[in-house]
């Protein structure tokens, strides 16, 4: 994403599924409503996991990839061996961290408790952020470009959305990093998914394309 004076420009290359992240505060731009709730909830859960022995969790409760695992192609000897050992340790922590949030209680996770802790305020926050980022509800404009390659050809897709009567539905029946779907009022059409990546970068919630978003709008 590129921030100009009055416009946020989102550019995706060969990525049909992701629209944007619900960003944290940056400069004169406030945090997205859903990110504030997400960050506060992750802080509580992450601190608990850190006290239980999962490594690489920072003071905000997020898992962070250690700097020592980067740039292995330029390492050699003892330095590379130490980096690979650290990388293996991080992978173990990442799997434990992700499983805690994504798996259901019956499979050793706490997905249900996590969604409950996010609460109904998360539903309205997601709708608020979608309105702000996609449908002109913000003082800042947002422009989305998607480029796709096929052989030697490059195509550009642009979208304009005008959706109403949306509702947010928690996903409790699957074990995935997708935690919410945004549907029409009947629940029959799925326009968006909301993903929490859980991959060690502390990313904010991600807005992804649902199967019915571009079929009629």
Protein backbone atom coordinates (compact mmCIF):
# COMPACT_ATOMS: atom_id res chain seq x y z
CA UNK A 1 0.00 0.00 0.00
CA UNK A 2 1.22 3.51 -0.84
CA UNK A 3 0.05 6.51 1.18
CA UNK A 4 -0.24 9.73 -0.81
CA UNK A 5 -1.43 13.02 0.67
CA UNK A 6 -5.15 12.27 0.37
CA UNK A 7 -5.26 8.83 -1.23
CA UNK A 8 -4.27 5.29 -0.22
CA UNK A 9 -3.23 3.32 -3.31
CA UNK A 10 -3.41 -0.48 -2.98
CA UNK A 11 -1.60 -2.50 -5.65
CA UNK A 12 -1.74 -6.30 -5.84
CA UNK A 13 0.14 -8.44 -8.36
CA UNK A 14 -1.24 -11.91 -9.18
CA UNK A 15 -3.18 -11.88 -5.91
CA UNK A 16 -6.89 -12.34 -6.48
CA UNK A 17 -7.85 -13.05 -2.88
CA UNK A 18 -6.56 -10.14 -0.80
CA UNK A 19 -7.87 -6.59 -0.89
CA UNK A 20 -6.19 -4.79 1.99
CA UNK A 21 -5.10 -4.83 5.59
CA UNK A 22 -7.00 -2.91 8.27
CA UNK A 23 -4.01 -0.76 9.10
CA UNK A 24 -2.62 0.44 12.40
CA UNK A 25 -2.05 4.13 13.15
CA UNK A 26 0.42 5.72 10.76
CA UNK A 27 1.26 9.38 10.67
CA UNK A 28 -1.99 11.37 10.66
CA UNK A 29 -4.09 8.25 9.98
CA UNK A 30 -5.81 6.58 12.93
CA UNK A 31 -5.88 2.82 13.45
CA UNK A 32 -8.74 0.90 11.89
CA UNK A 33 -11.51 0.08 14.36
CA UNK A 34 -11.10 -3.67 13.96
CA UNK A 35 -7.33 -3.48 14.42
CA UNK A 36 -7.70 -1.71 17.77
CA UNK A 37 -9.94 -4.51 19.06
CA UNK A 38 -7.72 -7.18 17.54
CA UNK A 39 -4.52 -5.75 19.04
CA UNK A 40 -6.03 -5.38 22.52
CA UNK A 41 -7.32 -8.98 22.46
CA UNK A 42 -4.07 -10.41 21.11
CA UNK A 43 -2.14 -8.63 23.85
CA UNK A 44 -4.08 -10.51 26.52
CA UNK A 45 -3.88 -13.91 24.85
CA UNK A 46 -0.28 -13.50 23.69
CA UNK A 47 0.94 -12.54 27.16
CA UNK A 48 -0.66 -15.70 28.52
CA UNK A 49 1.04 -17.85 25.88
CA UNK A 50 4.40 -16.21 26.56
CA UNK A 51 4.10 -17.09 30.24
CA UNK A 52 3.38 -20.69 29.22
CA UNK A 53 6.67 -20.98 27.40
CA UNK A 54 6.02 -20.13 23.75
CA UNK A 55 9.04 -18.16 22.54
CA UNK A 56 9.33 -15.11 20.26
CA UNK A 57 6.20 -13.36 21.57
CA UNK A 58 6.74 -9.64 22.03
CA UNK A 59 5.29 -7.29 24.68
CA UNK A 60 2.22 -6.68 22.49
CA UNK A 61 1.35 -10.37 22.45
CA UNK A 62 2.35 -10.96 18.84
CA UNK A 63 4.69 -13.61 17.53
CA UNK A 64 7.71 -12.06 15.80
CA UNK A 65 10.20 -13.69 13.46
CA UNK A 66 13.67 -13.28 15.03
CA UNK A 67 16.20 -11.27 13.06
CA UNK A 68 18.75 -14.07 13.28
CA UNK A 69 16.88 -16.23 10.75
CA UNK A 70 17.10 -13.65 7.96
CA UNK A 71 19.77 -13.59 5.29
CA UNK A 72 20.82 -17.24 5.56
CA UNK A 73 22.00 -17.27 1.93
CA UNK A 74 24.88 -15.01 2.97
CA UNK A 75 25.84 -17.04 6.05
CA UNK A 76 28.34 -19.85 6.37
CA UNK A 77 29.73 -22.19 9.00
CA UNK A 78 28.75 -21.70 12.64
CA UNK A 79 26.67 -18.62 11.82
CA UNK A 80 24.46 -20.61 9.44
CA UNK A 81 24.12 -23.53 11.85
CA UNK A 82 23.02 -21.18 14.64
CA UNK A 83 20.54 -19.49 12.32
CA UNK A 84 19.03 -22.81 11.22
CA UNK A 85 18.66 -23.88 14.85
CA UNK A 86 16.91 -20.60 15.64
CA UNK A 87 14.70 -21.03 12.58
CA UNK A 88 13.64 -24.48 13.76
CA UNK A 89 12.81 -23.12 17.20
CA UNK A 90 10.76 -20.34 15.65
CA UNK A 91 8.85 -22.83 13.48
CA UNK A 92 7.87 -24.80 16.58
CA UNK A 93 6.65 -21.63 18.31
CA UNK A 94 4.81 -20.51 15.19
CA UNK A 95 2.95 -23.82 14.93
CA UNK A 96 2.00 -23.72 18.62
CA UNK A 97 0.91 -20.08 18.40
CA UNK A 98 -1.18 -20.59 15.28
CA UNK A 99 -2.79 -23.77 16.59
CA UNK A 100 -3.78 -22.08 19.85
CA UNK A 101 -5.90 -19.53 17.97
CA UNK A 102 -7.11 -21.54 14.99
CA UNK A 103 -7.89 -24.98 16.38
CA UNK A 104 -11.13 -25.73 18.19
CA UNK A 105 -11.15 -26.76 21.83
CA UNK A 106 -11.76 -30.39 20.93
CA UNK A 107 -8.48 -30.38 19.02
CA UNK A 108 -6.41 -28.60 21.64
CA UNK A 109 -6.91 -24.99 20.59
CA UNK A 110 -8.97 -22.08 21.86
CA UNK A 111 -10.64 -20.73 18.73
CA UNK A 112 -14.04 -20.37 20.39
CA UNK A 113 -12.66 -18.44 23.38
CA UNK A 114 -10.64 -16.17 21.11
CA UNK A 115 -13.66 -15.23 18.99
CA UNK A 116 -15.74 -14.74 22.13
CA UNK A 117 -13.08 -12.42 23.56
CA UNK A 118 -13.11 -10.32 20.37
CA UNK A 119 -16.82 -9.91 21.00
CA UNK A 120 -19.72 -8.36 19.06
CA UNK A 121 -17.90 -5.02 18.86
CA UNK A 122 -15.61 -6.68 16.33
CA UNK A 123 -18.57 -7.18 14.01
CA UNK A 124 -19.47 -3.49 13.85
CA UNK A 125 -15.78 -2.55 13.65
CA UNK A 126 -15.27 -4.73 10.57
CA UNK A 127 -18.28 -3.17 8.86
CA UNK A 128 -17.02 0.29 9.79
CA UNK A 129 -13.62 -0.45 8.28
CA UNK A 130 -15.09 -1.89 5.08
CA UNK A 131 -17.24 1.22 4.69
CA UNK A 132 -14.24 3.46 5.28
CA UNK A 133 -11.83 1.65 2.98
CA UNK A 134 -14.00 0.46 0.11
CA UNK A 135 -17.10 2.62 -0.07
CA UNK A 136 -16.10 6.20 0.54
CA UNK A 137 -16.67 6.36 4.28
CA UNK A 138 -13.29 7.90 5.02
CA UNK A 139 -11.77 11.32 4.52
CA UNK A 140 -9.05 9.53 2.58
CA UNK A 141 -9.85 8.01 -0.79
CA UNK A 142 -8.80 4.43 -1.54
CA UNK A 143 -7.88 3.16 -5.00
CA UNK A 144 -7.36 -0.55 -5.70
CA UNK A 145 -5.40 -1.92 -8.65
CA UNK A 146 -4.96 -5.61 -9.39
CA UNK A 147 -2.54 -6.77 -12.05
CA UNK A 148 -2.47 -10.31 -13.41
CA UNK A 149 -0.08 -11.99 -15.82
CA UNK A 150 -0.84 -14.71 -18.34
CA UNK A 151 2.03 -15.56 -20.64
CA UNK A 152 3.27 -12.25 -22.02
CA UNK A 153 0.01 -10.43 -21.31
CA UNK A 154 -0.67 -8.21 -18.31
CA UNK A 155 -4.25 -7.32 -17.42
CA UNK A 156 -5.58 -4.77 -14.95
CA UNK A 157 -8.76 -5.23 -12.94
CA UNK A 158 -10.49 -2.40 -11.10
CA UNK A 159 -13.52 -2.60 -8.83
CA UNK A 160 -16.11 -0.29 -7.37
CA UNK A 161 -18.30 -1.59 -4.56
CA UNK A 162 -21.74 -0.43 -3.46
CA UNK A 163 -22.97 -2.94 -0.89
CA UNK A 164 -25.58 -2.54 1.82
CA UNK A 165 -27.21 -4.59 4.59
CA UNK A 166 -23.99 -6.45 5.33
CA UNK A 167 -23.53 -8.64 8.39
CA UNK A 168 -20.48 -10.20 10.00
CA UNK A 169 -20.57 -13.88 10.91
CA UNK A 170 -17.87 -15.61 13.03
CA UNK A 171 -16.55 -18.85 11.54
CA UNK A 172 -16.69 -21.47 14.27
CA UNK A 173 -17.07 -24.62 12.20
CA UNK A 174 -13.63 -24.54 10.55
CA UNK A 175 -10.05 -24.47 11.80
CA UNK A 176 -8.47 -21.77 9.69
CA UNK A 177 -6.86 -18.34 9.87
CA UNK A 178 -10.11 -16.98 8.39
CA UNK A 179 -12.15 -15.94 11.44
CA UNK A 180 -15.10 -14.01 9.95
CA UNK A 181 -17.17 -13.84 6.82
CA UNK A 182 -19.14 -10.79 5.68
CA UNK A 183 -22.41 -11.69 4.00
CA UNK A 184 -25.63 -10.15 2.74
CA UNK A 185 -28.51 -9.87 5.19
CA UNK A 186 -29.74 -13.38 4.34
CA UNK A 187 -26.32 -14.95 4.84
CA UNK A 188 -26.51 -16.61 1.43
CA UNK A 189 -23.94 -14.46 -0.36
CA UNK A 190 -20.39 -14.15 1.01
CA UNK A 191 -18.73 -10.90 -0.03
CA UNK A 192 -15.63 -10.83 2.18
CA UNK A 193 -13.50 -12.89 4.54
CA UNK A 194 -11.43 -11.48 7.40
CA UNK A 195 -8.14 -13.25 8.06
CA UNK A 196 -5.73 -13.06 11.00
CA UNK A 197 -2.46 -14.28 9.54
CA UNK A 198 -0.75 -15.62 12.70
CA UNK A 199 2.51 -16.19 10.81
CA UNK A 200 4.94 -14.29 12.96
CA UNK A 201 4.70 -10.79 11.55
CA UNK A 202 2.09 -9.21 13.80
CA UNK A 203 0.03 -8.28 10.75
CA UNK A 204 -3.28 -6.44 11.23
CA UNK A 205 -6.56 -8.11 10.12
CA UNK A 206 -6.65 -8.76 6.38
CA UNK A 207 -9.70 -8.20 4.17
CA UNK A 208 -10.05 -10.90 1.52
CA UNK A 209 -12.37 -11.44 -1.42
CA UNK A 210 -15.38 -13.70 -0.92
CA UNK A 211 -16.88 -15.88 -3.67
CA UNK A 212 -19.82 -13.55 -4.35
CA UNK A 213 -18.12 -10.15 -4.24
CA UNK A 214 -17.42 -9.72 -7.95
CA UNK A 215 -20.22 -11.81 -9.45
CA UNK A 216 -22.86 -9.08 -9.44
CA UNK A 217 -21.20 -5.95 -8.12
